[in-house]
N, C-alpha and C. Protein backbone atom coordinates (compact mmCIF):
# COMPACT_ATOMS: atom_id res chain seq x y z
N MET A 1 107.94 155.53 49.16
CA MET A 1 108.97 155.66 48.10
C MET A 1 109.42 154.27 47.69
N ASP A 2 109.57 154.07 46.40
CA ASP A 2 110.03 152.78 45.88
C ASP A 2 111.49 152.57 46.25
N VAL A 3 111.80 151.35 46.75
CA VAL A 3 113.17 151.03 47.15
C VAL A 3 114.12 151.15 45.96
N GLY A 4 113.66 150.73 44.77
CA GLY A 4 114.51 150.81 43.57
C GLY A 4 114.87 152.22 43.22
N SER A 5 113.92 153.17 43.35
CA SER A 5 114.22 154.54 43.03
C SER A 5 115.12 155.17 44.07
N TYR A 6 115.09 154.68 45.31
CA TYR A 6 115.95 155.22 46.36
C TYR A 6 117.41 154.86 46.12
N ARG A 7 117.61 153.63 45.55
CA ARG A 7 118.97 153.17 45.32
C ARG A 7 119.54 153.66 43.99
N ALA A 8 118.73 154.20 43.14
CA ALA A 8 119.21 154.65 41.83
C ALA A 8 120.12 155.86 41.99
N THR A 9 121.17 155.93 41.15
CA THR A 9 122.14 157.04 41.21
C THR A 9 122.32 157.65 39.85
N ASN A 10 122.72 158.87 39.86
CA ASN A 10 123.10 159.59 38.64
C ASN A 10 124.52 160.12 38.81
N ILE A 11 125.21 160.32 37.70
CA ILE A 11 126.58 160.85 37.72
C ILE A 11 126.50 162.37 37.61
N CYS A 12 127.11 163.04 38.58
CA CYS A 12 127.16 164.50 38.56
C CYS A 12 128.04 164.94 37.41
N SER A 13 127.53 165.80 36.57
CA SER A 13 128.29 166.27 35.40
C SER A 13 129.43 167.21 35.77
N HIS A 14 129.47 167.66 37.00
CA HIS A 14 130.53 168.59 37.41
C HIS A 14 131.69 167.85 38.08
N CYS A 15 131.38 166.91 38.96
CA CYS A 15 132.46 166.20 39.69
C CYS A 15 132.60 164.74 39.32
N ASP A 16 131.73 164.26 38.46
CA ASP A 16 131.79 162.87 37.98
C ASP A 16 131.59 161.84 39.09
N ARG A 17 130.94 162.21 40.15
CA ARG A 17 130.64 161.26 41.22
C ARG A 17 129.22 160.73 41.07
N ALA A 18 129.05 159.51 41.55
CA ALA A 18 127.70 158.92 41.53
C ALA A 18 126.91 159.45 42.73
N ILE A 19 125.78 160.09 42.44
CA ILE A 19 124.96 160.73 43.47
C ILE A 19 123.56 160.09 43.44
N PRO A 20 122.99 159.84 44.59
CA PRO A 20 121.61 159.32 44.59
C PRO A 20 120.68 160.22 43.75
N SER A 21 119.87 159.60 42.95
CA SER A 21 119.02 160.35 42.03
C SER A 21 118.14 161.37 42.74
N SER A 22 117.73 161.04 43.95
CA SER A 22 116.84 161.94 44.68
C SER A 22 117.56 163.21 45.12
N ASN A 23 118.90 163.19 45.15
CA ASN A 23 119.67 164.35 45.63
C ASN A 23 120.48 165.03 44.52
N ILE A 24 120.35 164.54 43.30
CA ILE A 24 121.25 165.00 42.25
C ILE A 24 121.12 166.49 41.97
N ASP A 25 119.91 167.04 41.98
CA ASP A 25 119.74 168.47 41.68
C ASP A 25 120.37 169.34 42.76
N LEU A 26 120.11 168.98 44.02
CA LEU A 26 120.67 169.75 45.12
C LEU A 26 122.20 169.64 45.14
N HIS A 27 122.67 168.43 44.89
CA HIS A 27 124.13 168.21 44.88
C HIS A 27 124.79 169.04 43.77
N TYR A 28 124.23 168.99 42.59
CA TYR A 28 124.85 169.71 41.47
C TYR A 28 124.89 171.21 41.75
N PHE A 29 123.84 171.74 42.31
CA PHE A 29 123.81 173.17 42.61
C PHE A 29 124.95 173.53 43.58
N HIS A 30 125.11 172.72 44.63
CA HIS A 30 126.17 172.99 45.62
C HIS A 30 127.56 172.71 45.03
N CYS A 31 127.68 171.66 44.30
CA CYS A 31 128.98 171.24 43.75
C CYS A 31 129.51 172.26 42.75
N SER A 32 128.71 172.65 41.80
CA SER A 32 129.16 173.57 40.76
C SER A 32 129.44 174.97 41.31
N ARG A 33 128.79 175.28 42.40
CA ARG A 33 128.97 176.62 42.97
C ARG A 33 130.22 176.72 43.84
N ASN A 34 130.60 175.64 44.51
CA ASN A 34 131.67 175.71 45.51
C ASN A 34 132.94 174.93 45.16
N LEU A 35 132.85 173.99 44.23
CA LEU A 35 134.01 173.15 43.94
C LEU A 35 134.47 173.33 42.50
N GLU A 36 135.77 173.04 42.28
CA GLU A 36 136.30 173.01 40.91
C GLU A 36 137.33 171.89 40.83
N LYS A 37 137.48 171.36 39.61
CA LYS A 37 138.39 170.22 39.40
C LYS A 37 139.79 170.74 39.06
N CYS A 38 140.79 170.24 39.80
CA CYS A 38 142.18 170.61 39.50
C CYS A 38 142.57 170.04 38.15
N LYS A 39 143.11 170.86 37.28
CA LYS A 39 143.47 170.43 35.94
C LYS A 39 144.69 169.51 35.92
N LEU A 40 145.43 169.48 37.03
CA LEU A 40 146.65 168.66 37.06
C LEU A 40 146.42 167.29 37.67
N CYS A 41 145.60 167.23 38.72
CA CYS A 41 145.39 165.94 39.40
C CYS A 41 143.93 165.48 39.40
N ASP A 42 143.01 166.29 38.81
CA ASP A 42 141.57 165.97 38.73
C ASP A 42 140.90 165.89 40.09
N GLU A 43 141.56 166.36 41.11
CA GLU A 43 140.93 166.36 42.44
C GLU A 43 139.97 167.55 42.54
N MET A 44 138.80 167.31 43.17
CA MET A 44 137.84 168.38 43.40
C MET A 44 138.26 169.14 44.65
N VAL A 45 138.48 170.43 44.50
CA VAL A 45 138.93 171.26 45.62
C VAL A 45 138.01 172.48 45.74
N PRO A 46 137.84 173.00 46.93
CA PRO A 46 137.04 174.22 47.09
C PRO A 46 137.64 175.36 46.26
N LYS A 47 136.77 176.11 45.59
CA LYS A 47 137.25 177.20 44.74
C LYS A 47 138.10 178.20 45.52
N LYS A 48 137.74 178.46 46.76
CA LYS A 48 138.48 179.45 47.53
C LYS A 48 139.86 178.93 47.95
N HIS A 49 140.08 177.64 47.84
CA HIS A 49 141.39 177.06 48.20
C HIS A 49 142.16 176.56 46.97
N ALA A 50 141.70 176.92 45.79
CA ALA A 50 142.33 176.39 44.57
C ALA A 50 143.79 176.81 44.45
N GLU A 51 144.08 178.08 44.74
CA GLU A 51 145.47 178.55 44.63
C GLU A 51 146.35 177.89 45.69
N GLU A 52 145.81 177.74 46.87
CA GLU A 52 146.57 177.08 47.93
C GLU A 52 146.86 175.63 47.57
N HIS A 53 145.86 174.97 46.98
CA HIS A 53 146.06 173.58 46.54
C HIS A 53 147.19 173.50 45.50
N TYR A 54 147.19 174.42 44.55
CA TYR A 54 148.24 174.42 43.52
C TYR A 54 149.61 174.67 44.14
N SER A 55 149.69 175.66 45.05
CA SER A 55 150.98 176.00 45.67
C SER A 55 151.54 174.86 46.49
N ASN A 56 150.66 174.18 47.21
CA ASN A 56 151.13 173.11 48.10
C ASN A 56 151.36 171.79 47.38
N THR A 57 150.71 171.61 46.25
CA THR A 57 150.73 170.29 45.60
C THR A 57 151.44 170.28 44.26
N HIS A 58 151.30 171.34 43.49
CA HIS A 58 151.78 171.29 42.11
C HIS A 58 152.79 172.37 41.73
N ALA A 59 152.95 173.40 42.52
CA ALA A 59 153.87 174.48 42.16
C ALA A 59 155.30 173.94 42.09
N PRO A 60 156.07 174.33 41.06
CA PRO A 60 157.46 173.86 40.94
C PRO A 60 158.28 174.18 42.19
N VAL A 61 159.13 173.24 42.57
CA VAL A 61 160.02 173.43 43.71
C VAL A 61 161.46 173.24 43.23
N PRO A 62 162.41 173.96 43.83
CA PRO A 62 163.81 173.83 43.40
C PRO A 62 164.50 172.63 44.05
N CYS A 63 165.36 172.01 43.29
CA CYS A 63 166.19 170.94 43.85
C CYS A 63 167.22 171.57 44.77
N SER A 64 167.38 171.02 45.95
CA SER A 64 168.32 171.59 46.92
C SER A 64 169.77 171.39 46.51
N LEU A 65 170.02 170.52 45.52
CA LEU A 65 171.39 170.26 45.09
C LEU A 65 171.80 171.08 43.87
N CYS A 66 170.92 171.10 42.84
CA CYS A 66 171.28 171.78 41.60
C CYS A 66 170.41 173.00 41.30
N SER A 67 169.38 173.25 42.13
CA SER A 67 168.48 174.40 42.00
C SER A 67 167.56 174.33 40.79
N GLU A 68 167.51 173.22 40.09
CA GLU A 68 166.56 173.07 38.98
C GLU A 68 165.14 172.96 39.55
N SER A 69 164.16 173.64 38.91
CA SER A 69 162.77 173.61 39.38
C SER A 69 162.00 172.50 38.69
N MET A 70 161.10 171.88 39.45
CA MET A 70 160.30 170.78 38.92
C MET A 70 159.08 170.57 39.80
N GLU A 71 158.16 169.73 39.34
CA GLU A 71 156.98 169.43 40.13
C GLU A 71 157.38 168.63 41.37
N PRO A 72 156.69 168.84 42.48
CA PRO A 72 157.07 168.17 43.74
C PRO A 72 157.13 166.65 43.63
N GLU A 73 156.19 166.07 42.85
CA GLU A 73 156.18 164.60 42.75
C GLU A 73 157.37 164.05 41.97
N SER A 74 158.05 164.92 41.24
CA SER A 74 159.22 164.48 40.47
C SER A 74 160.54 164.69 41.22
N LEU A 75 160.48 165.41 42.33
CA LEU A 75 161.71 165.81 43.01
C LEU A 75 162.51 164.62 43.54
N ALA A 76 161.84 163.68 44.17
CA ALA A 76 162.55 162.54 44.77
C ALA A 76 163.29 161.73 43.71
N ALA A 77 162.60 161.43 42.59
CA ALA A 77 163.24 160.65 41.52
C ALA A 77 164.39 161.43 40.89
N HIS A 78 164.23 162.73 40.75
CA HIS A 78 165.29 163.58 40.20
C HIS A 78 166.54 163.51 41.06
N GLN A 79 166.38 163.69 42.37
CA GLN A 79 167.54 163.70 43.27
C GLN A 79 168.17 162.32 43.38
N ARG A 80 167.39 161.28 43.17
CA ARG A 80 167.91 159.92 43.29
C ARG A 80 168.58 159.43 42.03
N GLU A 81 168.09 159.87 40.84
CA GLU A 81 168.56 159.26 39.60
C GLU A 81 169.12 160.23 38.56
N HIS A 82 168.69 161.50 38.59
CA HIS A 82 169.03 162.39 37.48
C HIS A 82 169.82 163.63 37.85
N CYS A 83 169.79 164.05 39.08
CA CYS A 83 170.46 165.30 39.46
C CYS A 83 171.96 165.21 39.18
N PRO A 84 172.53 166.16 38.45
CA PRO A 84 173.97 166.10 38.13
C PRO A 84 174.86 166.27 39.35
N LYS A 85 174.30 166.76 40.45
CA LYS A 85 175.11 166.96 41.65
C LYS A 85 174.82 165.93 42.74
N ARG A 86 174.05 164.90 42.40
CA ARG A 86 173.84 163.83 43.38
C ARG A 86 175.16 163.10 43.61
N ILE A 87 175.34 162.55 44.78
CA ILE A 87 176.60 161.89 45.12
C ILE A 87 176.57 160.44 44.65
N VAL A 88 177.59 160.08 43.89
CA VAL A 88 177.77 158.71 43.42
C VAL A 88 179.18 158.25 43.80
N THR A 89 179.47 156.99 43.59
CA THR A 89 180.80 156.47 43.93
C THR A 89 181.50 155.93 42.69
N CYS A 90 182.80 156.09 42.66
CA CYS A 90 183.63 155.60 41.55
C CYS A 90 183.60 154.07 41.52
N ASP A 91 183.48 153.51 40.31
CA ASP A 91 183.44 152.05 40.17
C ASP A 91 184.76 151.39 40.54
N TYR A 92 185.85 152.16 40.53
CA TYR A 92 187.17 151.57 40.74
C TYR A 92 187.70 151.78 42.16
N CYS A 93 187.51 152.99 42.71
CA CYS A 93 188.08 153.28 44.03
C CYS A 93 187.00 153.56 45.07
N GLU A 94 185.72 153.57 44.65
CA GLU A 94 184.58 153.80 45.55
C GLU A 94 184.64 155.16 46.25
N PHE A 95 185.33 156.10 45.64
CA PHE A 95 185.39 157.46 46.19
C PHE A 95 184.08 158.18 45.88
N PRO A 96 183.43 158.81 46.87
CA PRO A 96 182.17 159.53 46.61
C PRO A 96 182.44 160.90 45.98
N LEU A 97 181.67 161.23 44.94
CA LEU A 97 181.83 162.52 44.26
C LEU A 97 180.55 162.84 43.49
N PRO A 98 180.35 164.12 43.09
CA PRO A 98 179.15 164.49 42.33
C PRO A 98 179.10 163.75 40.99
N ALA A 99 177.90 163.39 40.57
CA ALA A 99 177.73 162.63 39.33
C ALA A 99 178.31 163.36 38.13
N ILE A 100 178.26 164.69 38.14
CA ILE A 100 178.75 165.47 37.00
C ILE A 100 180.27 165.30 36.81
N ASP A 101 180.98 164.91 37.87
CA ASP A 101 182.44 164.75 37.79
C ASP A 101 182.86 163.28 37.62
N LEU A 102 181.89 162.37 37.60
CA LEU A 102 182.22 160.94 37.62
C LEU A 102 182.97 160.50 36.38
N PHE A 103 182.55 160.91 35.18
CA PHE A 103 183.17 160.43 33.95
C PHE A 103 184.65 160.81 33.90
N GLU A 104 184.94 162.07 34.16
CA GLU A 104 186.33 162.53 34.11
C GLU A 104 187.19 161.81 35.15
N HIS A 105 186.63 161.61 36.35
CA HIS A 105 187.38 160.92 37.40
C HIS A 105 187.68 159.48 36.99
N GLN A 106 186.68 158.77 36.44
CA GLN A 106 186.89 157.36 36.11
C GLN A 106 187.80 157.18 34.91
N GLU A 107 187.89 158.19 34.03
CA GLU A 107 188.83 158.11 32.93
C GLU A 107 190.26 158.00 33.45
N VAL A 108 190.55 158.73 34.52
CA VAL A 108 191.88 158.71 35.11
C VAL A 108 192.03 157.49 36.02
N CYS A 109 191.05 157.29 36.88
CA CYS A 109 191.13 156.22 37.86
C CYS A 109 191.17 154.84 37.20
N GLY A 110 190.40 154.66 36.13
CA GLY A 110 190.35 153.37 35.46
C GLY A 110 191.62 153.00 34.74
N ASN A 111 192.52 153.95 34.50
CA ASN A 111 193.78 153.67 33.83
C ASN A 111 194.91 153.35 34.80
N ARG A 112 194.62 153.41 36.11
CA ARG A 112 195.61 152.95 37.08
C ARG A 112 195.76 151.43 36.95
N THR A 113 196.91 150.92 37.38
CA THR A 113 197.16 149.48 37.26
C THR A 113 197.29 148.83 38.62
N GLU A 114 196.92 147.55 38.66
CA GLU A 114 197.10 146.73 39.85
C GLU A 114 197.70 145.40 39.44
N LEU A 115 198.47 144.81 40.34
CA LEU A 115 199.14 143.54 40.04
C LEU A 115 198.17 142.38 40.17
N CYS A 116 198.09 141.55 39.13
CA CYS A 116 197.31 140.31 39.20
C CYS A 116 198.17 139.26 39.90
N ASN A 117 197.69 138.72 40.99
CA ASN A 117 198.47 137.76 41.77
C ASN A 117 198.60 136.40 41.09
N LEU A 118 197.81 136.16 40.05
CA LEU A 118 197.87 134.86 39.37
C LEU A 118 198.92 134.85 38.26
N CYS A 119 198.88 135.86 37.40
CA CYS A 119 199.82 135.87 36.26
C CYS A 119 200.94 136.88 36.45
N ILE A 120 200.95 137.57 37.57
CA ILE A 120 202.01 138.54 37.91
C ILE A 120 202.15 139.59 36.80
N ARG A 121 201.02 140.09 36.35
CA ARG A 121 201.01 141.18 35.37
C ARG A 121 200.26 142.37 35.96
N TYR A 122 200.65 143.56 35.52
CA TYR A 122 199.94 144.76 35.93
C TYR A 122 198.78 145.01 34.95
N ILE A 123 197.56 145.06 35.50
CA ILE A 123 196.35 145.18 34.70
C ILE A 123 195.67 146.52 35.00
N ARG A 124 195.23 147.22 33.94
CA ARG A 124 194.50 148.46 34.14
C ARG A 124 193.15 148.14 34.79
N LEU A 125 192.73 149.02 35.69
CA LEU A 125 191.52 148.75 36.46
C LEU A 125 190.29 148.60 35.58
N HIS A 126 190.20 149.37 34.49
CA HIS A 126 189.01 149.26 33.65
C HIS A 126 189.01 147.97 32.83
N GLU A 127 190.13 147.24 32.83
CA GLU A 127 190.22 145.96 32.13
C GLU A 127 190.22 144.79 33.11
N ARG A 128 190.09 145.08 34.41
CA ARG A 128 190.26 144.05 35.43
C ARG A 128 189.22 142.94 35.32
N MET A 129 187.95 143.29 35.14
CA MET A 129 186.92 142.27 35.08
C MET A 129 187.12 141.34 33.89
N ALA A 130 187.41 141.91 32.71
CA ALA A 130 187.64 141.08 31.53
C ALA A 130 188.89 140.21 31.72
N HIS A 131 189.92 140.75 32.38
CA HIS A 131 191.14 139.98 32.61
C HIS A 131 190.88 138.80 33.54
N GLU A 132 190.10 139.02 34.58
CA GLU A 132 189.82 137.95 35.53
C GLU A 132 189.09 136.78 34.87
N LEU A 133 188.31 137.06 33.83
CA LEU A 133 187.59 136.00 33.13
C LEU A 133 188.50 135.19 32.22
N THR A 134 189.59 135.80 31.77
CA THR A 134 190.46 135.14 30.80
C THR A 134 191.82 134.76 31.36
N CYS A 135 192.15 135.20 32.57
CA CYS A 135 193.48 134.93 33.13
C CYS A 135 193.68 133.44 33.32
N ASN A 136 194.79 132.90 32.79
CA ASN A 136 195.07 131.46 32.91
C ASN A 136 195.99 131.14 34.08
N GLY A 137 196.39 132.15 34.82
CA GLY A 137 197.22 131.92 36.01
C GLY A 137 198.67 131.63 35.73
N VAL A 138 199.10 131.73 34.46
CA VAL A 138 200.50 131.48 34.10
C VAL A 138 201.29 132.76 34.29
N PRO A 139 202.33 132.75 35.14
CA PRO A 139 203.11 133.97 35.37
C PRO A 139 203.71 134.48 34.07
N ASP A 140 203.73 135.76 33.91
CA ASP A 140 204.27 136.42 32.71
C ASP A 140 205.75 136.67 32.92
N THR A 141 206.58 136.09 32.05
CA THR A 141 208.04 136.25 32.18
C THR A 141 208.49 137.66 31.85
N THR A 142 207.65 138.41 31.20
CA THR A 142 208.01 139.79 30.86
C THR A 142 207.49 140.78 31.89
N ALA A 143 207.07 140.27 33.06
CA ALA A 143 206.51 141.17 34.07
C ALA A 143 207.52 142.20 34.53
N GLU A 144 208.77 141.77 34.67
CA GLU A 144 209.79 142.71 35.15
C GLU A 144 209.99 143.84 34.15
N ALA A 145 209.99 143.46 32.85
CA ALA A 145 210.15 144.48 31.82
C ALA A 145 208.95 145.42 31.80
N SER A 146 207.76 144.85 32.03
CA SER A 146 206.56 145.69 32.07
C SER A 146 206.62 146.67 33.22
N ARG A 147 207.07 146.19 34.39
CA ARG A 147 207.18 147.07 35.54
C ARG A 147 208.18 148.19 35.27
N ALA A 148 209.26 147.85 34.58
CA ALA A 148 210.26 148.87 34.26
C ALA A 148 209.69 149.92 33.33
N ARG A 149 208.90 149.45 32.33
CA ARG A 149 208.29 150.41 31.42
C ARG A 149 207.27 151.29 32.12
N GLU A 150 206.48 150.66 33.02
CA GLU A 150 205.51 151.44 33.79
C GLU A 150 206.22 152.50 34.62
N GLY A 151 207.31 152.10 35.29
CA GLY A 151 208.04 153.06 36.11
C GLY A 151 208.64 154.18 35.29
N GLU A 152 209.11 153.83 34.07
CA GLU A 152 209.70 154.86 33.21
C GLU A 152 208.65 155.84 32.76
N ARG A 153 207.43 155.32 32.43
CA ARG A 153 206.35 156.22 32.02
C ARG A 153 205.92 157.12 33.17
N GLU A 154 205.81 156.55 34.39
CA GLU A 154 205.37 157.33 35.54
C GLU A 154 206.35 158.44 35.89
N HIS A 155 207.65 158.22 35.63
CA HIS A 155 208.66 159.22 35.97
C HIS A 155 209.08 160.04 34.76
N GLY A 156 208.31 159.94 33.69
CA GLY A 156 208.56 160.79 32.52
C GLY A 156 209.78 160.41 31.73
N GLY A 157 210.29 159.17 31.91
CA GLY A 157 211.45 158.74 31.14
C GLY A 157 212.72 159.44 31.52
N GLY A 158 212.77 160.07 32.68
CA GLY A 158 213.94 160.84 33.10
C GLY A 158 215.18 159.98 33.23
N ALA A 159 214.97 158.73 33.67
CA ALA A 159 216.13 157.85 33.87
C ALA A 159 216.82 157.57 32.54
N ALA A 160 215.98 157.45 31.46
CA ALA A 160 216.58 157.13 30.16
C ALA A 160 217.34 158.31 29.59
N ARG A 161 216.96 159.54 29.99
CA ARG A 161 217.60 160.71 29.42
C ARG A 161 218.86 161.14 30.17
N ARG A 162 219.10 160.58 31.37
CA ARG A 162 220.28 160.98 32.14
C ARG A 162 221.55 160.47 31.47
N ARG A 163 222.60 161.32 31.43
CA ARG A 163 223.89 160.91 30.84
C ARG A 163 224.56 159.91 31.75
N PRO A 164 225.12 158.83 31.19
CA PRO A 164 225.83 157.85 32.04
C PRO A 164 227.11 158.45 32.60
N ARG A 165 227.41 158.06 33.80
CA ARG A 165 228.65 158.54 34.43
C ARG A 165 229.85 157.87 33.76
N PRO A 166 230.96 158.57 33.70
CA PRO A 166 232.16 157.94 33.12
C PRO A 166 232.62 156.80 34.00
N PRO A 167 233.15 155.75 33.39
CA PRO A 167 233.61 154.60 34.19
C PRO A 167 234.67 155.02 35.20
N PRO A 168 234.60 154.49 36.40
CA PRO A 168 235.59 154.84 37.42
C PRO A 168 237.02 154.56 36.97
N GLN A 169 237.21 153.51 36.15
CA GLN A 169 238.56 153.15 35.71
C GLN A 169 239.16 154.24 34.85
N GLU A 170 238.33 154.83 33.94
CA GLU A 170 238.83 155.89 33.07
C GLU A 170 239.27 157.10 33.89
N PHE A 171 238.52 157.44 34.91
CA PHE A 171 238.88 158.57 35.76
C PHE A 171 240.20 158.30 36.49
N SER A 172 240.37 157.09 37.00
CA SER A 172 241.59 156.74 37.72
C SER A 172 242.80 156.79 36.80
N THR A 173 242.66 156.35 35.57
CA THR A 173 243.78 156.36 34.61
C THR A 173 244.23 157.78 34.31
N ARG A 174 243.29 158.68 34.09
CA ARG A 174 243.65 160.08 33.83
C ARG A 174 244.38 160.68 35.02
N ARG A 175 243.90 160.36 36.20
CA ARG A 175 244.54 160.91 37.40
C ARG A 175 245.97 160.38 37.56
N LEU A 176 246.16 159.10 37.25
CA LEU A 176 247.50 158.50 37.37
C LEU A 176 248.47 159.14 36.39
N VAL A 177 248.02 159.34 35.12
CA VAL A 177 248.88 159.97 34.11
C VAL A 177 249.26 161.38 34.53
N PHE A 178 248.28 162.12 35.06
CA PHE A 178 248.55 163.48 35.50
C PHE A 178 249.58 163.49 36.63
N THR A 179 249.45 162.56 37.57
CA THR A 179 250.38 162.48 38.71
C THR A 179 251.80 162.16 38.24
N ILE A 180 251.92 161.22 37.29
CA ILE A 180 253.24 160.84 36.78
C ILE A 180 253.90 162.02 36.08
N ALA A 181 253.09 162.78 35.31
CA ALA A 181 253.64 163.93 34.59
C ALA A 181 254.17 164.97 35.56
N ILE A 182 253.41 165.28 36.60
CA ILE A 182 253.86 166.26 37.59
C ILE A 182 255.12 165.79 38.29
N THR A 183 255.16 164.49 38.62
CA THR A 183 256.34 163.94 39.30
C THR A 183 257.58 164.03 38.41
N GLY A 184 257.41 163.73 37.13
CA GLY A 184 258.54 163.79 36.20
C GLY A 184 259.08 165.20 36.08
N ILE A 185 258.18 166.17 35.99
CA ILE A 185 258.62 167.56 35.89
C ILE A 185 259.38 167.98 37.15
N ALA A 186 258.86 167.54 38.30
CA ALA A 186 259.53 167.88 39.56
C ALA A 186 260.93 167.27 39.62
N VAL A 187 261.08 166.04 39.14
CA VAL A 187 262.40 165.38 39.15
C VAL A 187 263.36 166.13 38.23
N VAL A 188 262.94 166.53 37.07
CA VAL A 188 263.81 167.23 36.12
C VAL A 188 264.27 168.56 36.70
N LEU A 189 263.33 169.32 37.28
CA LEU A 189 263.69 170.61 37.88
C LEU A 189 264.67 170.43 39.03
N GLY A 190 264.44 169.40 39.82
CA GLY A 190 265.34 169.14 40.94
C GLY A 190 266.75 168.81 40.47
N SER A 191 266.88 168.05 39.40
CA SER A 191 268.18 167.68 38.87
C SER A 191 268.93 168.90 38.36
N LEU A 192 268.25 169.78 37.69
CA LEU A 192 268.89 170.99 37.17
C LEU A 192 269.40 171.87 38.30
N MET A 193 268.59 172.02 39.32
CA MET A 193 269.01 172.85 40.45
C MET A 193 270.19 172.22 41.18
N PHE A 194 270.21 170.90 41.30
CA PHE A 194 271.30 170.21 41.98
C PHE A 194 272.62 170.37 41.21
N GLN A 195 272.52 170.36 39.85
CA GLN A 195 273.73 170.50 39.04
C GLN A 195 274.29 171.91 39.09
N ARG A 196 273.49 172.94 39.30
CA ARG A 196 273.94 174.31 39.31
C ARG A 196 274.63 174.68 40.63
N LYS A 197 274.33 174.08 41.74
CA LYS A 197 274.89 174.44 43.02
C LYS A 197 276.40 174.23 43.09
N PRO A 198 276.96 173.08 42.65
CA PRO A 198 278.44 172.92 42.71
C PRO A 198 279.17 173.96 41.88
N GLN A 199 278.62 174.38 40.71
CA GLN A 199 279.27 175.38 39.90
C GLN A 199 279.40 176.70 40.62
N ASN A 200 278.41 177.09 41.37
CA ASN A 200 278.44 178.34 42.14
C ASN A 200 279.50 178.25 43.23
N THR A 201 279.70 177.06 43.83
CA THR A 201 280.67 176.88 44.91
C THR A 201 282.10 177.02 44.37
N ASP A 202 282.38 176.49 43.14
CA ASP A 202 283.70 176.55 42.56
C ASP A 202 284.12 177.98 42.24
N LEU A 203 283.16 178.83 41.84
CA LEU A 203 283.49 180.20 41.50
C LEU A 203 284.00 180.96 42.69
N ARG A 204 283.55 180.67 43.85
CA ARG A 204 284.03 181.35 45.04
C ARG A 204 285.49 180.95 45.33
């Protein structure tokens, strides 16, 4: 046999593999009869195991977090990057929560304020990074007023709506006038009664 013809190969039209030319007919007969190409991964699998191959390799599987079905090879990326129930952390407080709830949580959390130790101003958390880049470190003279406004907003402005108490001096003055009036009436009644007693004695 010629060495060149021994090394020559042909491509099997069924499995696309290079087969020695001397064996190509026998190979094709066996290959086409027993094997088939998976339409999803192009792997040659035994015909009798084709369904098992699909079930184990390509059949949709449910996500254990959100129950969405997908191909097995996509499951890891889905749970890591796309699943709405994957656990993520808040950018402001680092609290872990499902991704589907993150936006609503950060809308509230990002509006909380913290004191800047350089300019003594209360800064909203979602503005903190931008503030740190521009803060000049000069204390804000209106910080006290800002704190008062923040406190008023947090308590619903109840302090501003409360009626002021009457001055203690006004209350004392009313009480003094009332006492003098009662005393005067008592003195007048006493004088009248004192004047009537001698008249009763003379009649006897």
